[in-house]
């Protein structure tokens, strides 16, 4: 879900924006391998929110309606309680690694915690 974290910067560059809009993202997301099922549900939700807000592609309701946001395998390993707490790297919770993350990353807070 690299695209989730880089979508805003990609959309700010006209050449990348046009390439992104020409991609057939729906075909990738609806592939039998179900790429959305192997990502953290919070990342998938953020990706779908950004894609919908920026009109990158039409977000099918089937992703939500049919439980495509989280696989059984994902649920078996803790579901949304897995590593959501530490992703994307909360500096308050990861004090030792904060000094490595802060110079290279941006801290973004969206939604309610």
N, C-alpha and C. Protein backbone atom coordinates (compact mmCIF):
# COMPACT_ATOMS: atom_id res chain seq x y z
N UNK A 1 0.82 -1.19 0.00
CA UNK A 1 0.00 0.00 0.00
C UNK A 1 0.86 1.26 0.00
N UNK A 2 1.97 1.15 -0.70
CA UNK A 2 2.85 2.30 -0.85
C UNK A 2 2.07 3.49 -1.37
N UNK A 3 1.15 3.21 -2.26
CA UNK A 3 0.34 4.27 -2.87
C UNK A 3 -0.44 5.05 -1.81
N UNK A 4 -0.84 4.38 -0.75
CA UNK A 4 -1.59 5.05 0.32
C UNK A 4 -0.77 6.17 0.93
N UNK A 5 0.51 5.93 1.14
CA UNK A 5 1.36 6.91 1.81
C UNK A 5 1.90 7.98 0.86
N UNK A 6 1.94 7.69 -0.43
CA UNK A 6 2.51 8.62 -1.40
C UNK A 6 1.47 9.26 -2.31
N UNK A 7 0.20 8.96 -2.11
CA UNK A 7 -0.84 9.45 -3.02
C UNK A 7 -0.86 10.98 -3.08
N UNK A 8 -0.80 11.63 -1.94
CA UNK A 8 -0.87 13.09 -1.91
C UNK A 8 0.27 13.72 -2.70
N UNK A 9 1.50 13.23 -2.49
CA UNK A 9 2.64 13.79 -3.22
C UNK A 9 2.57 13.45 -4.70
N UNK A 10 2.06 12.27 -5.05
CA UNK A 10 1.92 11.91 -6.46
C UNK A 10 0.90 12.79 -7.16
N UNK A 11 -0.18 13.10 -6.48
CA UNK A 11 -1.23 13.92 -7.09
C UNK A 11 -0.81 15.38 -7.25
N UNK A 12 0.22 15.79 -6.53
CA UNK A 12 0.69 17.18 -6.64
C UNK A 12 1.62 17.39 -7.84
N UNK A 13 2.07 16.30 -8.47
CA UNK A 13 2.93 16.38 -9.65
C UNK A 13 2.10 15.98 -10.87
N UNK A 14 1.85 16.92 -11.79
CA UNK A 14 0.94 16.66 -12.91
C UNK A 14 1.23 15.38 -13.70
N UNK A 15 2.49 15.10 -13.99
CA UNK A 15 2.83 13.90 -14.76
C UNK A 15 2.45 12.63 -14.00
N UNK A 16 2.77 12.59 -12.71
CA UNK A 16 2.44 11.42 -11.89
C UNK A 16 0.93 11.29 -11.70
N UNK A 17 0.27 12.43 -11.56
CA UNK A 17 -1.18 12.40 -11.39
C UNK A 17 -1.85 11.79 -12.61
N UNK A 18 -1.42 12.20 -13.80
CA UNK A 18 -2.04 11.66 -15.01
C UNK A 18 -1.75 10.17 -15.15
N UNK A 19 -0.55 9.73 -14.77
CA UNK A 19 -0.23 8.30 -14.82
C UNK A 19 -1.08 7.52 -13.83
N UNK A 20 -1.25 8.08 -12.64
CA UNK A 20 -2.05 7.42 -11.62
C UNK A 20 -3.51 7.28 -12.06
N UNK A 21 -4.04 8.32 -12.66
CA UNK A 21 -5.43 8.28 -13.10
C UNK A 21 -5.64 7.34 -14.28
N UNK A 22 -4.58 7.07 -15.04
CA UNK A 22 -4.68 6.14 -16.17
C UNK A 22 -4.51 4.68 -15.76
N UNK A 23 -3.98 4.45 -14.57
CA UNK A 23 -3.79 3.08 -14.10
C UNK A 23 -5.13 2.41 -13.89
N UNK A 24 -5.16 1.12 -14.09
CA UNK A 24 -6.40 0.36 -13.88
C UNK A 24 -6.36 -0.25 -12.47
N UNK A 25 -6.48 0.61 -11.49
CA UNK A 25 -6.36 0.19 -10.10
C UNK A 25 -7.46 -0.79 -9.72
N UNK A 26 -8.66 -0.60 -10.26
CA UNK A 26 -9.76 -1.51 -9.95
C UNK A 26 -9.40 -2.95 -10.30
N UNK A 27 -8.75 -3.15 -11.45
CA UNK A 27 -8.36 -4.50 -11.86
C UNK A 27 -7.38 -5.12 -10.88
N UNK A 28 -6.49 -4.31 -10.35
CA UNK A 28 -5.52 -4.81 -9.38
C UNK A 28 -6.22 -5.18 -8.08
N UNK A 29 -7.08 -4.30 -7.60
CA UNK A 29 -7.75 -4.53 -6.32
C UNK A 29 -8.75 -5.67 -6.36
N UNK A 30 -9.32 -5.93 -7.54
CA UNK A 30 -10.30 -7.01 -7.68
C UNK A 30 -9.67 -8.31 -8.17
N UNK A 31 -8.35 -8.36 -8.21
CA UNK A 31 -7.63 -9.56 -8.64
C UNK A 31 -7.91 -10.70 -7.66
N UNK A 32 -7.91 -11.96 -8.12
CA UNK A 32 -8.15 -13.11 -7.23
C UNK A 32 -7.20 -13.19 -6.03
N UNK A 33 -6.02 -12.58 -6.12
CA UNK A 33 -5.11 -12.60 -4.97
C UNK A 33 -5.56 -11.68 -3.84
N UNK A 34 -6.55 -10.83 -4.08
CA UNK A 34 -7.13 -9.94 -3.07
C UNK A 34 -6.07 -9.14 -2.30
N UNK A 35 -5.39 -8.21 -2.96
CA UNK A 35 -4.32 -7.48 -2.28
C UNK A 35 -4.77 -6.70 -1.05
N UNK A 36 -6.03 -6.29 -1.01
CA UNK A 36 -6.50 -5.53 0.16
C UNK A 36 -6.61 -6.39 1.41
N UNK A 37 -6.68 -7.70 1.23
CA UNK A 37 -6.84 -8.58 2.39
C UNK A 37 -5.54 -8.85 3.12
N UNK A 38 -4.42 -8.51 2.54
CA UNK A 38 -3.15 -8.76 3.21
C UNK A 38 -2.59 -7.51 3.87
N UNK A 39 -3.29 -6.41 3.74
CA UNK A 39 -2.87 -5.16 4.37
C UNK A 39 -3.66 -4.93 5.65
N UNK A 40 -3.11 -4.13 6.51
CA UNK A 40 -3.84 -3.77 7.73
C UNK A 40 -5.13 -3.06 7.36
N UNK A 41 -6.22 -3.40 8.02
CA UNK A 41 -7.51 -2.75 7.72
C UNK A 41 -7.45 -1.24 7.82
N UNK A 42 -6.69 -0.71 8.77
CA UNK A 42 -6.61 0.75 8.90
C UNK A 42 -5.92 1.37 7.69
N UNK A 43 -4.93 0.67 7.12
CA UNK A 43 -4.25 1.16 5.92
C UNK A 43 -5.18 1.09 4.72
N UNK A 44 -5.93 0.01 4.62
CA UNK A 44 -6.89 -0.15 3.51
C UNK A 44 -7.95 0.95 3.58
N UNK A 45 -8.47 1.19 4.77
CA UNK A 45 -9.50 2.23 4.93
C UNK A 45 -8.95 3.60 4.55
N UNK A 46 -7.72 3.90 4.95
CA UNK A 46 -7.10 5.18 4.60
C UNK A 46 -6.88 5.28 3.10
N UNK A 47 -6.40 4.19 2.49
CA UNK A 47 -6.20 4.17 1.04
C UNK A 47 -7.51 4.42 0.31
N UNK A 48 -8.57 3.72 0.70
CA UNK A 48 -9.86 3.89 0.05
C UNK A 48 -10.42 5.30 0.27
N UNK A 49 -10.19 5.85 1.46
CA UNK A 49 -10.65 7.21 1.75
C UNK A 49 -9.94 8.22 0.84
N UNK A 50 -8.62 8.09 0.73
CA UNK A 50 -7.84 8.99 -0.12
C UNK A 50 -8.21 8.83 -1.59
N UNK A 51 -8.37 7.60 -2.03
CA UNK A 51 -8.71 7.34 -3.43
C UNK A 51 -10.07 7.94 -3.77
N UNK A 52 -11.01 7.80 -2.86
CA UNK A 52 -12.35 8.34 -3.09
C UNK A 52 -12.32 9.87 -3.07
N UNK A 53 -11.63 10.45 -2.10
CA UNK A 53 -11.57 11.91 -1.97
C UNK A 53 -10.88 12.56 -3.17
N UNK A 54 -9.88 11.88 -3.73
CA UNK A 54 -9.13 12.43 -4.86
C UNK A 54 -9.63 11.92 -6.21
N UNK A 55 -10.71 11.17 -6.18
CA UNK A 55 -11.32 10.61 -7.40
C UNK A 55 -10.32 9.85 -8.26
N UNK A 56 -9.47 9.07 -7.60
CA UNK A 56 -8.49 8.26 -8.31
C UNK A 56 -9.20 7.12 -9.04
N UNK A 57 -10.16 6.51 -8.37
CA UNK A 57 -11.00 5.48 -8.97
C UNK A 57 -12.27 5.37 -8.16
N UNK A 58 -13.26 4.72 -8.72
CA UNK A 58 -14.53 4.53 -8.01
C UNK A 58 -14.34 3.42 -6.99
N UNK A 59 -14.60 3.71 -5.73
CA UNK A 59 -14.44 2.72 -4.67
C UNK A 59 -15.70 1.87 -4.60
N UNK A 60 -15.62 0.60 -5.00
CA UNK A 60 -16.80 -0.25 -4.98
C UNK A 60 -17.28 -0.51 -3.55
N UNK A 61 -18.57 -0.48 -3.36
CA UNK A 61 -19.15 -0.76 -2.04
C UNK A 61 -18.90 -2.21 -1.63
N UNK A 62 -18.61 -3.08 -2.61
CA UNK A 62 -18.39 -4.49 -2.28
C UNK A 62 -17.19 -4.69 -1.37
N UNK A 63 -16.24 -3.76 -1.39
CA UNK A 63 -15.09 -3.88 -0.49
C UNK A 63 -15.54 -3.86 0.96
N UNK A 64 -16.52 -3.06 1.25
CA UNK A 64 -17.01 -2.94 2.62
C UNK A 64 -18.09 -3.98 2.89
N UNK A 65 -19.03 -4.10 1.97
CA UNK A 65 -20.20 -4.96 2.18
C UNK A 65 -19.87 -6.44 2.33
N UNK A 66 -18.87 -6.92 1.63
CA UNK A 66 -18.59 -8.35 1.64
C UNK A 66 -17.36 -8.72 2.44
N UNK A 67 -16.96 -7.87 3.34
CA UNK A 67 -15.85 -8.19 4.24
C UNK A 67 -14.51 -8.30 3.54
N UNK A 68 -14.31 -7.57 2.45
CA UNK A 68 -13.06 -7.67 1.71
C UNK A 68 -11.95 -6.84 2.33
N UNK A 69 -12.24 -6.13 3.39
CA UNK A 69 -11.20 -5.32 4.02
C UNK A 69 -10.29 -6.12 4.93
N UNK A 70 -10.73 -7.32 5.31
CA UNK A 70 -9.89 -8.12 6.20
C UNK A 70 -10.16 -9.59 5.95
N UNK A 71 -9.11 -10.36 5.76
CA UNK A 71 -9.26 -11.78 5.47
C UNK A 71 -9.38 -12.58 6.76
N UNK A 72 -9.78 -13.84 6.63
CA UNK A 72 -9.85 -14.73 7.80
C UNK A 72 -8.46 -14.93 8.38
N UNK A 73 -7.48 -15.06 7.50
CA UNK A 73 -6.10 -15.26 7.95
C UNK A 73 -5.62 -14.05 8.75
N UNK A 74 -5.96 -12.87 8.29
CA UNK A 74 -5.60 -11.65 8.99
C UNK A 74 -6.25 -11.62 10.37
N UNK A 75 -7.53 -11.99 10.44
CA UNK A 75 -8.25 -12.01 11.71
C UNK A 75 -7.65 -13.02 12.68
N UNK A 76 -7.16 -14.14 12.14
CA UNK A 76 -6.59 -15.19 12.98
C UNK A 76 -5.34 -14.72 13.71
N UNK A 77 -4.66 -13.72 13.16
CA UNK A 77 -3.45 -13.21 13.78
C UNK A 77 -3.69 -11.93 14.56
N UNK A 78 -4.88 -11.74 15.05
CA UNK A 78 -5.16 -10.60 15.90
C UNK A 78 -6.05 -9.55 15.27
N UNK A 79 -6.35 -9.69 13.99
CA UNK A 79 -7.23 -8.73 13.33
C UNK A 79 -6.72 -7.32 13.48
N UNK A 80 -7.64 -6.39 13.71
CA UNK A 80 -7.25 -4.98 13.80
C UNK A 80 -6.44 -4.67 15.04
N UNK A 81 -6.32 -5.62 15.95
CA UNK A 81 -5.56 -5.38 17.17
C UNK A 81 -4.07 -5.69 17.00
N UNK A 82 -3.65 -6.19 15.85
CA UNK A 82 -2.27 -6.62 15.60
C UNK A 82 -1.27 -5.50 15.85
N UNK A 83 -0.94 -4.80 14.78
CA UNK A 83 0.09 -3.78 14.88
C UNK A 83 -0.45 -2.40 14.56
N UNK A 84 -1.76 -2.25 14.48
CA UNK A 84 -2.32 -0.94 14.22
C UNK A 84 -1.82 0.08 15.23
N UNK A 85 -1.58 -0.38 16.44
CA UNK A 85 -1.13 0.50 17.49
C UNK A 85 0.21 1.15 17.14
N UNK A 86 1.05 0.44 16.40
CA UNK A 86 2.39 0.94 16.10
C UNK A 86 2.58 1.35 14.65
N UNK A 87 1.52 1.41 13.89
CA UNK A 87 1.69 1.73 12.47
C UNK A 87 0.78 2.87 12.11
N UNK A 88 1.22 3.91 11.50
CA UNK A 88 2.55 4.10 10.95
C UNK A 88 3.52 4.77 11.92
N UNK A 89 4.04 4.03 12.81
CA UNK A 89 5.14 4.41 13.69
C UNK A 89 4.84 5.62 14.57
N UNK A 90 4.11 5.39 15.60
CA UNK A 90 3.77 6.44 16.55
C UNK A 90 5.00 6.75 17.41
N UNK A 91 5.57 7.95 17.30
CA UNK A 91 6.79 8.28 18.04
C UNK A 91 6.59 8.28 19.55
N UNK A 92 5.37 8.47 20.01
CA UNK A 92 5.12 8.44 21.45
C UNK A 92 5.24 7.03 21.99
N UNK A 93 4.88 6.04 21.17
CA UNK A 93 4.93 4.66 21.61
C UNK A 93 6.25 3.98 21.27
N UNK A 94 6.93 4.47 20.27
CA UNK A 94 8.20 3.88 19.85
C UNK A 94 9.33 4.85 20.17
N UNK A 95 9.56 5.06 21.44
CA UNK A 95 10.52 6.07 21.88
C UNK A 95 11.94 5.81 21.39
N UNK A 96 12.37 4.55 21.39
CA UNK A 96 13.74 4.26 20.98
C UNK A 96 13.96 4.51 19.49
N UNK A 97 12.97 4.22 18.68
CA UNK A 97 13.14 4.38 17.23
C UNK A 97 12.72 5.76 16.74
N UNK A 98 12.14 6.57 17.61
CA UNK A 98 11.69 7.90 17.21
C UNK A 98 12.81 8.72 16.59
N UNK A 99 14.00 8.63 17.13
CA UNK A 99 15.12 9.43 16.62
C UNK A 99 15.50 9.05 15.19
N UNK A 100 15.17 7.83 14.76
CA UNK A 100 15.44 7.42 13.39
C UNK A 100 14.29 7.77 12.45
N UNK A 101 13.09 7.74 12.97
CA UNK A 101 11.90 7.97 12.15
C UNK A 101 11.66 9.46 11.92
N UNK A 102 11.77 10.26 12.97
CA UNK A 102 11.42 11.67 12.89
C UNK A 102 12.15 12.43 11.77
N UNK A 103 13.46 12.27 11.57
CA UNK A 103 14.10 13.04 10.51
C UNK A 103 13.65 12.64 9.10
N UNK A 104 13.16 11.44 8.93
CA UNK A 104 12.84 10.93 7.60
C UNK A 104 11.35 10.87 7.30
N UNK A 105 10.52 10.96 8.30
CA UNK A 105 9.09 10.78 8.06
C UNK A 105 8.27 11.97 8.49
N UNK A 106 7.03 11.95 8.07
CA UNK A 106 6.08 12.97 8.46
C UNK A 106 5.07 12.33 9.39
N UNK A 107 4.71 13.03 10.43
CA UNK A 107 3.73 12.51 11.37
C UNK A 107 2.39 13.10 11.00
N UNK A 108 1.47 12.23 10.60
CA UNK A 108 0.14 12.66 10.19
C UNK A 108 -0.89 12.03 11.10
N UNK A 109 -1.85 12.79 11.51
CA UNK A 109 -2.93 12.26 12.32
C UNK A 109 -4.24 12.52 11.59
N UNK A 110 -4.96 11.46 11.29
CA UNK A 110 -6.27 11.60 10.65
C UNK A 110 -7.26 10.79 11.45
N UNK A 111 -8.46 11.28 11.51
CA UNK A 111 -9.51 10.55 12.22
C UNK A 111 -9.37 10.67 13.71
N UNK A 112 -10.15 9.87 14.41
CA UNK A 112 -10.13 9.88 15.87
C UNK A 112 -9.38 8.66 16.37
N UNK A 113 -8.71 8.82 17.50
CA UNK A 113 -7.95 7.70 18.07
C UNK A 113 -8.72 7.11 19.18
